[in-house]
């Protein structure tokens, strides 16, 4: 096979370096004389060539009796050298990508050299923004505001106030790094802002009428390029509008979801409400993190005076009880249980013409849809489930969820009623009520029991107080139990696979209340 020297050239070796390296492979350890003779390299450049090969890791040397002896590295070192070049190339590629916005900006500016004015330093920047405000009154569009040092922030905070005093509206898009500036400007008159977390820019663009001001750098080296050109202003305004009006955004992690619900809360006034369909607390391995997150959410909700309606997944209320969050989930909040078992790991928030979909994985994914029709469609689905008068629950977790809901629906001193209280011989149901009643007692909720006779042996094991208790005649013995309070009536069938039927209608509750009173008078 013919040796392909050109391939070595293509990976970055010169012809002289190739010849010297090949000569050393054959010579072994050698002084410069034999290397020059065999490689036919110039004797005046042999040390320069060897030095370059040493830098590339292809040659090494030792000194014996004051004379350098050179030796070629293992040929496999050529592969290492090639991989190092590839790594370096990847680094350079990323550096070039980072430089591209600035290079593209330079190319764009080249079209407007005769119309561009450059301002340097703080004084120059102040002059640039004074110039920007001259001309017919218009809206000032700004994007994307990211990190700033304190001196720049002070200047722009005052500038927003000055614009408002002149009757100039300002619409600003902030990156997540600029959220603090957004929060500090929210009270400024004639100001609108949005935080779009995935958006960044090497320059902050200000558009006012036909003028465009591009600001770059910190207060120490700030640079402003001012261009008065209608075509350019319209081009940048299109970019602004595309960002401002985008319908769908996707974020990952708890911070992304926090951005979205904060944005939703910013749009809601005290007394207004949002709804959540499929409320839950993530996956088991990440439950504590979801609990901590939703604690923070509801603390903020209560602080802002925002109301909510939640349709919980079966079992989710158990988590509320487990972490002692009842107060957070009852203050200005109504809740119900979704009457279907769902493995769909998505919670849907609706409010103010937007829908926020939270995919509850270990690292949650947030999909925000700012579209009135889509949000309305989700809202209709929520309202349909919320307004259903009859629901069916099947399986242990679903069938017992009604009783967990009692703990959040009723306050201390309020009461519910039970006809034919029993456990149907189902030990899992009995175990559930052994843990349920202490929670009810701690909440101060009163219970009125007309028990089935088969409960008598277990009464000492049930912490029933505060309560009233009587027993029905033996002919009433069956696994069917009726529980009711306020406008809710629940029929349980405590079989091996429990079933529950929830009816939300006052007339039905009133009828069973009369039936309860009749049985109470007859019971012992």
Protein backbone atom coordinates (compact mmCIF):
# COMPACT_ATOMS: atom_id res chain seq x y z
CA UNK A 1 0.00 0.00 0.00
CA UNK A 2 1.35 3.42 -0.99
CA UNK A 3 1.91 5.73 1.99
CA UNK A 4 -0.38 8.77 1.70
CA UNK A 5 1.62 11.80 2.85
CA UNK A 6 -1.14 14.13 1.63
CA UNK A 7 -3.44 12.84 4.38
CA UNK A 8 -0.95 14.03 7.01
CA UNK A 9 -0.82 17.39 5.28
CA UNK A 10 -4.59 17.65 5.44
CA UNK A 11 -4.60 17.24 9.22
CA UNK A 12 -2.14 20.14 9.63
CA UNK A 13 1.44 18.90 9.17
CA UNK A 14 3.81 20.59 6.69
CA UNK A 15 5.80 18.53 4.16
CA UNK A 16 9.04 19.23 6.06
CA UNK A 17 7.44 18.10 9.36
CA UNK A 18 6.16 14.91 7.72
CA UNK A 19 9.60 14.06 6.26
CA UNK A 20 11.37 14.68 9.59
CA UNK A 21 8.81 12.63 11.56
CA UNK A 22 9.05 9.70 9.10
CA UNK A 23 12.87 9.86 9.19
CA UNK A 24 12.82 9.68 13.01
CA UNK A 25 10.49 6.67 12.93
CA UNK A 26 13.16 4.81 10.95
CA UNK A 27 16.21 6.20 12.78
CA UNK A 28 14.98 5.82 16.31
CA UNK A 29 16.82 8.11 18.79
CA UNK A 30 19.04 10.43 16.78
CA UNK A 31 20.94 13.71 16.70
CA UNK A 32 20.15 16.33 14.06
CA UNK A 33 22.83 15.25 11.54
CA UNK A 34 21.29 11.90 10.51
CA UNK A 35 17.81 13.47 10.62
CA UNK A 36 18.84 16.18 8.11
CA UNK A 37 20.52 13.60 5.87
CA UNK A 38 17.58 11.20 5.83
CA UNK A 39 14.73 13.76 5.64
CA UNK A 40 16.60 16.14 3.32
CA UNK A 41 15.40 19.01 5.51
CA UNK A 42 17.31 22.30 5.57
CA UNK A 43 20.00 22.15 8.26
CA UNK A 44 19.31 25.80 9.11
CA UNK A 45 15.61 25.01 9.82
CA UNK A 46 15.90 21.55 11.39
CA UNK A 47 15.59 22.85 14.98
CA UNK A 48 12.54 24.95 14.03
CA UNK A 49 10.88 21.92 12.41
CA UNK A 50 11.68 19.69 15.39
CA UNK A 51 10.34 22.32 17.81
CA UNK A 52 7.00 22.43 15.97
CA UNK A 53 6.79 18.62 16.07
CA UNK A 54 7.56 18.71 19.81
CA UNK A 55 4.74 21.25 20.33
CA UNK A 56 2.38 18.87 18.49
CA UNK A 57 3.46 15.98 20.72
CA UNK A 58 4.93 14.00 17.81
CA UNK A 59 8.62 14.26 18.84
CA UNK A 60 10.47 14.23 22.17
CA UNK A 61 14.16 14.49 23.12
CA UNK A 62 16.66 13.68 25.84
CA UNK A 63 20.09 15.22 26.49
CA UNK A 64 23.01 12.87 26.64
CA UNK A 65 26.47 14.33 27.41
CA UNK A 66 25.20 17.78 26.51
CA UNK A 67 23.79 16.72 23.09
CA UNK A 68 20.05 16.50 22.23
CA UNK A 69 18.84 13.17 20.94
CA UNK A 70 15.43 13.29 19.25
CA UNK A 71 12.89 10.47 18.98
CA UNK A 72 9.55 10.08 17.20
CA UNK A 73 6.43 9.55 19.35
CA UNK A 74 4.29 6.45 18.90
CA UNK A 75 2.35 6.78 15.59
CA UNK A 76 -0.90 6.45 17.61
CA UNK A 77 -0.10 9.94 18.87
CA UNK A 78 -1.24 11.19 15.45
CA UNK A 79 -4.82 10.16 16.42
CA UNK A 80 -4.51 12.05 19.73
CA UNK A 81 -3.23 15.08 17.82
CA UNK A 82 -6.21 14.83 15.45
CA UNK A 83 -8.69 14.60 18.37
CA UNK A 84 -7.10 17.65 19.99
CA UNK A 85 -7.56 19.55 16.74
CA UNK A 86 -11.22 18.47 16.62
CA UNK A 87 -11.80 19.62 20.23
CA UNK A 88 -10.13 22.93 19.47
CA UNK A 89 -12.26 23.27 16.35
CA UNK A 90 -15.43 22.67 18.39
CA UNK A 91 -14.38 25.36 20.88
CA UNK A 92 -13.68 27.77 18.06
CA UNK A 93 -17.06 26.92 16.49
CA UNK A 94 -18.84 27.86 19.72
CA UNK A 95 -16.82 31.07 19.99
CA UNK A 96 -17.73 31.99 16.42
CA UNK A 97 -21.41 31.25 17.12
CA UNK A 98 -21.25 33.63 20.08
CA UNK A 99 -19.69 36.28 17.85
CA UNK A 100 -22.21 35.85 15.02
CA UNK A 101 -24.85 38.29 16.39
CA UNK A 102 -22.20 41.00 16.65
CA UNK A 103 -20.82 40.21 13.19
CA UNK A 104 -24.33 40.21 11.72
CA UNK A 105 -24.97 43.52 13.45
CA UNK A 106 -21.83 44.93 11.84
CA UNK A 107 -23.05 43.73 8.45
CA UNK A 108 -26.47 45.31 9.07
CA UNK A 109 -24.88 48.59 10.14
CA UNK A 110 -22.76 48.69 7.00
CA UNK A 111 -25.92 49.45 5.01
CA UNK A 112 -26.54 52.55 7.12
CA UNK A 113 -23.05 54.01 7.60
CA UNK A 114 -24.10 57.42 6.35
CA UNK A 115 -27.10 57.44 8.74
CA UNK A 116 -25.44 56.02 11.86
CA UNK A 117 -24.12 58.01 14.83
CA UNK A 118 -21.95 56.34 17.46
CA UNK A 119 -22.04 57.47 21.09
CA UNK A 120 -19.47 56.21 23.61
CA UNK A 121 -19.47 56.32 27.42
CA UNK A 122 -22.17 57.32 29.91
CA UNK A 123 -22.34 60.94 28.71
CA UNK A 124 -22.61 59.76 25.11
CA UNK A 125 -25.36 57.29 26.05
CA UNK A 126 -27.32 60.03 27.81
CA UNK A 127 -27.08 62.17 24.68
CA UNK A 128 -28.17 59.24 22.49
CA UNK A 129 -31.35 58.64 24.49
CA UNK A 130 -32.21 62.33 24.53
CA UNK A 131 -31.92 62.28 20.75
CA UNK A 132 -34.07 59.15 20.64
CA UNK A 133 -36.99 60.97 22.28
CA UNK A 134 -37.07 63.81 19.77
CA UNK A 135 -39.70 63.88 17.06
CA UNK A 136 -43.44 63.07 16.93
CA UNK A 137 -44.84 61.29 20.01
CA UNK A 138 -44.85 57.51 19.57
CA UNK A 139 -44.51 54.27 21.57
CA UNK A 140 -40.98 53.30 22.60
CA UNK A 141 -40.27 49.59 22.02
CA UNK A 142 -37.37 47.95 23.87
CA UNK A 143 -35.88 44.44 23.60
CA UNK A 144 -34.17 42.46 25.08
CA UNK A 145 -33.28 43.83 28.55
CA UNK A 146 -30.94 41.48 30.41
CA UNK A 147 -28.30 42.03 33.09
CA UNK A 148 -27.15 45.57 33.82
CA UNK A 149 -24.82 47.13 36.36
CA UNK A 150 -26.27 49.46 39.00
CA UNK A 151 -25.28 52.68 37.23
CA UNK A 152 -27.06 51.69 34.01
CA UNK A 153 -30.11 50.49 35.91
CA UNK A 154 -30.40 53.82 37.77
CA UNK A 155 -30.22 55.71 34.47
CA UNK A 156 -32.91 53.64 32.76
CA UNK A 157 -35.21 53.62 35.79
CA UNK A 158 -35.26 57.43 35.63
CA UNK A 159 -35.61 57.33 31.84
CA UNK A 160 -38.82 55.25 32.07
CA UNK A 161 -40.28 57.88 34.42
CA UNK A 162 -39.20 60.69 32.10
CA UNK A 163 -40.82 58.98 29.10
CA UNK A 164 -44.09 58.63 31.01
CA UNK A 165 -43.96 62.31 32.04
CA UNK A 166 -43.71 63.18 28.34
CA UNK A 167 -46.72 60.96 27.59
CA UNK A 168 -44.61 58.31 25.84
CA UNK A 169 -45.66 54.68 26.25
CA UNK A 170 -42.93 52.05 26.70
CA UNK A 171 -43.27 48.35 25.86
CA UNK A 172 -40.28 46.28 26.98
CA UNK A 173 -39.29 42.63 26.62
CA UNK A 174 -37.00 41.33 29.38
CA UNK A 175 -34.94 38.16 29.51
CA UNK A 176 -35.08 36.06 32.68
CA UNK A 177 -31.83 37.76 33.76
CA UNK A 178 -33.72 41.07 33.61
CA UNK A 179 -36.78 39.96 35.61
CA UNK A 180 -35.75 42.15 38.56
CA UNK A 181 -35.81 45.24 36.35
CA UNK A 182 -39.25 44.26 35.08
CA UNK A 183 -40.53 43.95 38.66
CA UNK A 184 -39.07 47.35 39.61
CA UNK A 185 -40.69 49.11 36.63
CA UNK A 186 -44.18 47.60 36.92
CA UNK A 187 -45.55 50.61 38.79
CA UNK A 188 -44.31 53.10 36.21
CA UNK A 189 -47.13 54.84 34.28
CA UNK A 190 -47.55 54.03 30.57
CA UNK A 191 -45.34 50.95 30.92
CA UNK A 192 -46.01 47.41 29.68
CA UNK A 193 -43.53 44.58 30.03
CA UNK A 194 -43.08 40.87 29.48
CA UNK A 195 -40.45 38.41 30.63
CA UNK A 196 -39.54 35.88 27.96
CA UNK A 197 -37.04 33.66 29.71
CA UNK A 198 -35.50 31.96 26.67
CA UNK A 199 -34.70 35.24 24.89
CA UNK A 200 -31.22 36.79 24.95
CA UNK A 201 -29.41 39.40 22.88
CA UNK A 202 -25.89 40.93 22.76
CA UNK A 203 -27.48 44.37 22.35
CA UNK A 204 -30.58 46.10 23.73
CA UNK A 205 -32.63 47.62 20.91
CA UNK A 206 -34.76 50.76 21.36
CA UNK A 207 -37.18 51.67 18.57
CA UNK A 208 -38.88 55.05 18.53
CA UNK A 209 -40.56 56.17 15.32
CA UNK A 210 -37.95 55.85 12.57
CA UNK A 211 -35.03 55.79 15.02
CA UNK A 212 -33.22 52.72 16.29
CA UNK A 213 -30.75 52.83 19.20
CA UNK A 214 -28.57 49.76 19.81
CA UNK A 215 -26.91 49.76 23.25
CA UNK A 216 -24.05 47.41 24.15
CA UNK A 217 -21.64 47.02 27.05
CA UNK A 218 -21.52 48.07 30.71
CA UNK A 219 -21.39 51.58 32.17
CA UNK A 220 -17.59 51.43 31.87
CA UNK A 221 -17.56 50.77 28.13
CA UNK A 222 -21.13 51.46 26.99
CA UNK A 223 -21.61 52.02 23.27
CA UNK A 224 -24.74 53.27 21.50
CA UNK A 225 -25.32 53.19 17.75
CA UNK A 226 -28.15 55.48 16.64
CA UNK A 227 -29.68 55.07 13.19
CA UNK A 228 -32.56 57.08 11.76
CA UNK A 229 -33.95 54.82 9.04
CA UNK A 230 -37.58 53.86 8.56
CA UNK A 231 -36.83 50.52 6.87
CA UNK A 232 -34.50 49.41 9.66
CA UNK A 233 -36.92 50.55 12.39
CA UNK A 234 -39.77 48.58 10.78
CA UNK A 235 -37.53 45.50 10.50
CA UNK A 236 -36.64 45.60 14.21
CA UNK A 237 -40.27 46.31 15.13
CA UNK A 238 -41.29 43.10 13.32
CA UNK A 239 -38.81 41.18 15.52
CA UNK A 240 -40.22 42.88 18.63
CA UNK A 241 -43.82 42.04 17.65
CA UNK A 242 -42.89 38.41 16.90
CA UNK A 243 -41.45 38.04 20.41
CA UNK A 244 -44.22 40.02 22.11
CA UNK A 245 -47.05 38.15 20.38
CA UNK A 246 -45.70 34.61 20.37
CA UNK A 247 -48.50 32.18 21.29
CA UNK A 248 -46.57 29.17 22.60
CA UNK A 249 -43.51 29.01 24.84
CA UNK A 250 -41.88 25.91 26.34
CA UNK A 251 -39.74 25.90 29.49
CA UNK A 252 -38.09 23.22 31.60
CA UNK A 253 -37.69 23.00 35.36
CA UNK A 254 -39.44 24.59 38.34
CA UNK A 255 -38.05 28.06 37.57
CA UNK A 256 -39.73 28.03 34.15
CA UNK A 257 -43.10 27.18 35.69
CA UNK A 258 -42.62 29.82 38.39
CA UNK A 259 -42.08 32.43 35.65
CA UNK A 260 -45.37 31.48 34.02
CA UNK A 261 -47.59 31.43 37.08
CA UNK A 262 -46.07 34.72 38.25
CA UNK A 263 -46.96 36.16 34.83
CA UNK A 264 -50.50 34.81 35.26
CA UNK A 265 -50.75 36.29 38.77
CA UNK A 266 -49.49 39.64 37.44
CA UNK A 267 -52.50 39.75 35.09
CA UNK A 268 -55.06 38.83 37.77
CA UNK A 269 -56.51 41.46 40.08
CA UNK A 270 -57.44 40.79 43.73
CA UNK A 271 -60.70 38.83 43.78
CA UNK A 272 -60.16 37.35 40.32
CA UNK A 273 -59.67 33.61 39.86
CA UNK A 274 -57.85 30.92 37.92
CA UNK A 275 -58.70 27.22 37.57
CA UNK A 276 -56.54 24.10 37.61
CA UNK A 277 -57.54 20.76 36.11
CA UNK A 278 -55.70 17.63 37.27
CA UNK A 279 -54.13 19.15 40.39
CA UNK A 280 -51.49 16.80 41.81
CA UNK A 281 -48.00 16.74 43.28
CA UNK A 282 -45.79 15.17 40.63
CA UNK A 283 -44.20 11.77 40.84
CA UNK A 284 -43.46 10.02 44.13
CA UNK A 285 -39.68 10.45 43.94
CA UNK A 286 -40.08 14.22 43.55
CA UNK A 287 -43.17 14.78 45.72
CA UNK A 288 -41.45 16.95 48.33
CA UNK A 289 -40.11 19.34 45.70
CA UNK A 290 -43.57 19.71 44.13
CA UNK A 291 -45.10 20.22 47.59
CA UNK A 292 -42.58 22.96 48.40
CA UNK A 293 -43.26 24.59 45.06
CA UNK A 294 -47.05 24.62 45.41
CA UNK A 295 -46.79 25.87 49.00
CA UNK A 296 -44.94 28.88 47.64
CA UNK A 297 -47.50 29.32 44.84
CA UNK A 298 -50.51 29.35 47.18
CA UNK A 299 -48.80 31.59 49.73
CA UNK A 300 -48.27 34.10 46.92
CA UNK A 301 -51.85 33.57 45.66
CA UNK A 302 -53.29 34.33 49.10
CA UNK A 303 -51.01 37.34 49.52
CA UNK A 304 -52.31 38.78 46.24
CA UNK A 305 -55.97 38.04 47.05
CA UNK A 306 -56.38 35.70 44.07
CA UNK A 307 -59.02 32.97 44.17
CA UNK A 308 -58.85 29.50 42.64
CA UNK A 309 -60.84 26.39 41.79
CA UNK A 310 -58.98 23.08 41.73
CA UNK A 311 -60.04 19.74 40.32
CA UNK A 312 -57.75 17.32 42.14
CA UNK A 313 -56.65 13.96 40.87
CA UNK A 314 -57.76 11.11 43.16
CA UNK A 315 -55.28 10.78 46.01
CA UNK A 316 -53.88 14.32 45.70
CA UNK A 317 -55.81 15.54 48.74
CA UNK A 318 -54.01 12.89 50.79
CA UNK A 319 -50.80 14.78 50.04
CA UNK A 320 -52.42 18.03 51.22
CA UNK A 321 -53.24 16.29 54.51
CA UNK A 322 -49.84 14.62 54.76
CA UNK A 323 -47.95 17.92 54.61
CA UNK A 324 -50.46 19.94 56.66
CA UNK A 325 -51.40 22.34 53.85
CA UNK A 326 -55.15 22.49 54.54
CA UNK A 327 -55.12 26.22 55.29
CA UNK A 328 -53.41 27.01 51.98
CA UNK A 329 -55.92 24.87 50.08
CA UNK A 330 -59.04 26.34 51.70
CA UNK A 331 -58.27 30.08 51.78
CA UNK A 332 -60.12 31.66 48.82
CA UNK A 333 -60.04 28.24 47.14
CA UNK A 334 -62.64 25.64 46.18
CA UNK A 335 -61.71 22.08 45.31
CA UNK A 336 -63.25 18.88 44.00
CA UNK A 337 -61.99 15.44 42.98
CA UNK A 338 -61.89 14.51 39.29
CA UNK A 339 -64.34 11.61 39.00
CA UNK A 340 -62.00 9.60 36.75
CA UNK A 341 -58.71 7.81 37.23
CA UNK A 342 -56.08 9.51 35.08
CA UNK A 343 -52.46 8.58 34.47
CA UNK A 344 -52.09 11.67 32.26
CA UNK A 345 -49.27 13.58 34.07
CA UNK A 346 -50.44 17.07 33.05
CA UNK A 347 -52.01 19.79 35.18
CA UNK A 348 -53.77 22.52 33.19
CA UNK A 349 -54.09 26.08 34.51
CA UNK A 350 -56.49 28.49 32.81
CA UNK A 351 -57.01 32.20 33.34
CA UNK A 352 -56.87 35.53 31.47
CA UNK A 353 -56.94 34.09 27.95
CA UNK A 354 -54.00 31.74 28.55
CA UNK A 355 -53.48 28.09 29.35
CA UNK A 356 -50.44 26.76 31.20
CA UNK A 357 -49.77 23.03 30.88
CA UNK A 358 -47.50 21.60 33.58
CA UNK A 359 -46.08 18.17 32.71
CA UNK A 360 -45.30 16.77 36.16
CA UNK A 361 -42.13 14.80 35.53
CA UNK A 362 -38.98 14.76 37.66
CA UNK A 363 -37.90 17.89 35.79
CA UNK A 364 -41.27 19.48 34.98
CA UNK A 365 -41.98 20.92 31.54
CA UNK A 366 -44.16 24.02 31.16
CA UNK A 367 -46.07 24.77 27.95
CA UNK A 368 -47.76 28.18 27.88
CA UNK A 369 -50.38 28.88 25.23
CA UNK A 370 -51.43 32.53 24.98
CA UNK A 371 -54.42 32.02 22.75
CA UNK A 372 -57.97 33.01 23.69
CA UNK A 373 -59.67 30.18 21.75
CA UNK A 374 -57.40 27.45 23.17
CA UNK A 375 -57.74 28.80 26.71
CA UNK A 376 -61.52 28.97 26.31
CA UNK A 377 -61.61 25.36 25.13
CA UNK A 378 -59.71 24.16 28.22
CA UNK A 379 -61.96 26.32 30.39
CA UNK A 380 -65.09 24.71 28.93
CA UNK A 381 -63.67 21.25 29.70
CA UNK A 382 -62.92 22.33 33.27
CA UNK A 383 -66.39 23.85 33.74
CA UNK A 384 -68.05 20.71 32.36
CA UNK A 385 -66.31 18.53 34.96
CA UNK A 386 -66.78 21.08 37.74
CA UNK A 387 -70.52 21.46 37.11
CA UNK A 388 -71.38 17.76 36.84
CA UNK A 389 -74.01 16.86 39.42
CA UNK A 390 -73.37 13.11 39.47
CA UNK A 391 -69.94 11.45 39.57
CA UNK A 392 -68.86 7.84 39.82
CA UNK A 393 -65.70 6.73 41.63
CA UNK A 394 -64.26 3.23 41.44
CA UNK A 395 -61.39 1.59 43.34
CA UNK A 396 -60.09 2.18 46.84
CA UNK A 397 -58.23 5.46 46.24
CA UNK A 398 -61.04 7.08 44.27
CA UNK A 399 -63.88 5.79 46.44
CA UNK A 400 -62.29 7.11 49.65
CA UNK A 401 -61.24 10.48 48.17
CA UNK A 402 -64.65 11.96 49.07
CA UNK A 403 -63.85 11.64 52.78
CA UNK A 404 -60.48 13.31 52.35
CA UNK A 405 -62.34 16.14 50.62
CA UNK A 406 -64.52 16.55 53.72
CA UNK A 407 -61.39 17.59 55.64
CA UNK A 408 -60.86 20.55 53.32
CA UNK A 409 -64.52 21.40 52.63
CA UNK A 410 -65.62 21.66 56.27
CA UNK A 411 -64.29 23.95 58.98
CA UNK A 412 -64.04 23.38 62.71
CA UNK A 413 -67.56 23.14 64.22
CA UNK A 414 -69.22 22.11 60.94
CA UNK A 415 -70.72 18.64 60.57
CA UNK A 416 -71.62 15.80 58.23
CA UNK A 417 -74.02 12.86 58.45
CA UNK A 418 -73.66 9.11 57.87
CA UNK A 419 -76.40 6.54 57.34
CA UNK A 420 -75.44 2.87 57.77
CA UNK A 421 -71.80 3.57 58.57
CA UNK A 422 -69.82 0.37 57.94
CA UNK A 423 -66.73 -0.99 56.24
CA UNK A 424 -68.32 -3.86 54.26
CA UNK A 425 -65.85 -6.40 55.66
CA UNK A 426 -63.11 -4.71 53.61
CA UNK A 427 -60.07 -4.44 55.92
CA UNK A 428 -58.49 -1.77 53.71
CA UNK A 429 -61.55 0.44 54.24
CA UNK A 430 -61.45 -0.14 58.01
CA UNK A 431 -57.76 0.77 58.09
CA UNK A 432 -58.50 3.95 56.12
CA UNK A 433 -61.10 5.13 58.66
CA UNK A 434 -58.76 4.38 61.56
CA UNK A 435 -56.37 7.02 60.18
CA UNK A 436 -59.12 9.30 58.81
CA UNK A 437 -61.03 9.98 62.03
CA UNK A 438 -58.02 11.31 64.02
CA UNK A 439 -57.49 13.83 61.20
CA UNK A 440 -61.17 14.79 61.34
CA UNK A 441 -60.96 15.16 65.13
CA UNK A 442 -57.88 17.40 64.81
CA UNK A 443 -59.82 19.56 62.37
CA UNK A 444 -62.72 19.88 64.83
CA UNK A 445 -65.28 18.50 62.35
CA UNK A 446 -68.34 16.94 63.93
CA UNK A 447 -69.81 13.66 62.63
CA UNK A 448 -73.33 12.25 63.10
CA UNK A 449 -73.31 8.44 62.76
CA UNK A 450 -76.08 5.97 62.25
CA UNK A 451 -73.87 2.89 62.33
CA UNK A 452 -74.36 -0.59 61.00
CA UNK A 453 -74.28 -3.24 63.78
CA UNK A 454 -71.04 -4.78 62.43
CA UNK A 455 -69.08 -1.67 63.50
CA UNK A 456 -69.65 -2.26 67.23
CA UNK A 457 -66.55 -4.47 67.77
CA UNK A 458 -64.30 -1.78 66.27
CA UNK A 459 -65.67 1.38 67.94
CA UNK A 460 -62.92 1.44 70.56
CA UNK A 461 -60.34 1.55 67.76
CA UNK A 462 -61.95 4.51 65.97
CA UNK A 463 -61.27 8.04 67.29
CA UNK A 464 -64.78 9.28 66.54
CA UNK A 465 -65.20 12.31 68.80
CA UNK A 466 -66.60 14.90 68.29
CA UNK A 467 -69.65 12.95 67.19
CA UNK A 468 -73.14 11.58 67.85
CA UNK A 469 -73.60 7.82 67.52
CA UNK A 470 -76.59 5.48 67.22
CA UNK A 471 -77.02 2.02 65.69
CA UNK A 472 -79.46 0.85 63.04
CA UNK A 473 -81.40 -2.43 63.41
CA UNK A 474 -79.69 -5.58 62.08
CA UNK A 475 -81.95 -5.67 59.00
CA UNK A 476 -80.09 -2.62 57.69
CA UNK A 477 -76.81 -4.53 57.45
CA UNK A 478 -75.31 -4.08 53.99
CA UNK A 479 -72.07 -2.72 52.48
CA UNK A 480 -73.94 0.43 51.34
CA UNK A 481 -73.22 3.67 53.21
CA UNK A 482 -74.70 7.16 52.68
CA UNK A 483 -72.70 10.26 53.68
CA UNK A 484 -73.83 13.85 53.15
CA UNK A 485 -73.13 17.48 54.06
CA UNK A 486 -73.98 20.87 52.57
CA UNK A 487 -74.96 20.17 48.92
CA UNK A 488 -73.09 16.85 48.56
CA UNK A 489 -74.40 13.32 49.03
CA UNK A 490 -72.15 10.30 48.62
CA UNK A 491 -73.26 6.68 48.29
CA UNK A 492 -70.47 4.17 49.02
CA UNK A 493 -70.56 0.46 48.30
CA UNK A 494 -67.75 -1.03 50.42
CA UNK A 495 -67.17 -4.20 48.40
CA UNK A 496 -63.80 -5.77 47.55
CA UNK A 497 -63.57 -3.17 44.77
CA UNK A 498 -65.25 -0.12 46.38
CA UNK A 499 -67.56 2.12 44.34
CA UNK A 500 -68.82 5.61 45.14
CA UNK A 501 -71.54 7.82 43.65
CA UNK A 502 -71.41 11.54 44.37
CA UNK A 503 -74.54 13.65 43.84
CA UNK A 504 -74.28 17.44 44.17
CA UNK A 505 -77.84 18.68 44.49
CA UNK A 506 -79.46 20.37 47.47
CA UNK A 507 -82.88 18.76 46.96
CA UNK A 508 -81.36 15.27 47.18
CA UNK A 509 -79.38 16.17 50.31
CA UNK A 510 -82.50 17.65 51.93
CA UNK A 511 -84.48 14.47 51.19
CA UNK A 512 -81.84 12.23 52.76
CA UNK A 513 -81.52 14.60 55.73
CA UNK A 514 -85.23 14.06 56.43
CA UNK A 515 -84.70 10.28 56.05
CA UNK A 516 -81.74 10.48 58.46
CA UNK A 517 -83.82 12.32 61.08
CA UNK A 518 -86.55 9.69 60.85
CA UNK A 519 -84.03 6.84 61.30
CA UNK A 520 -82.31 8.69 64.15
CA UNK A 521 -85.52 8.86 66.12
CA UNK A 522 -86.03 5.11 65.67
CA UNK A 523 -82.43 4.01 66.26
CA UNK A 524 -80.85 3.12 69.61
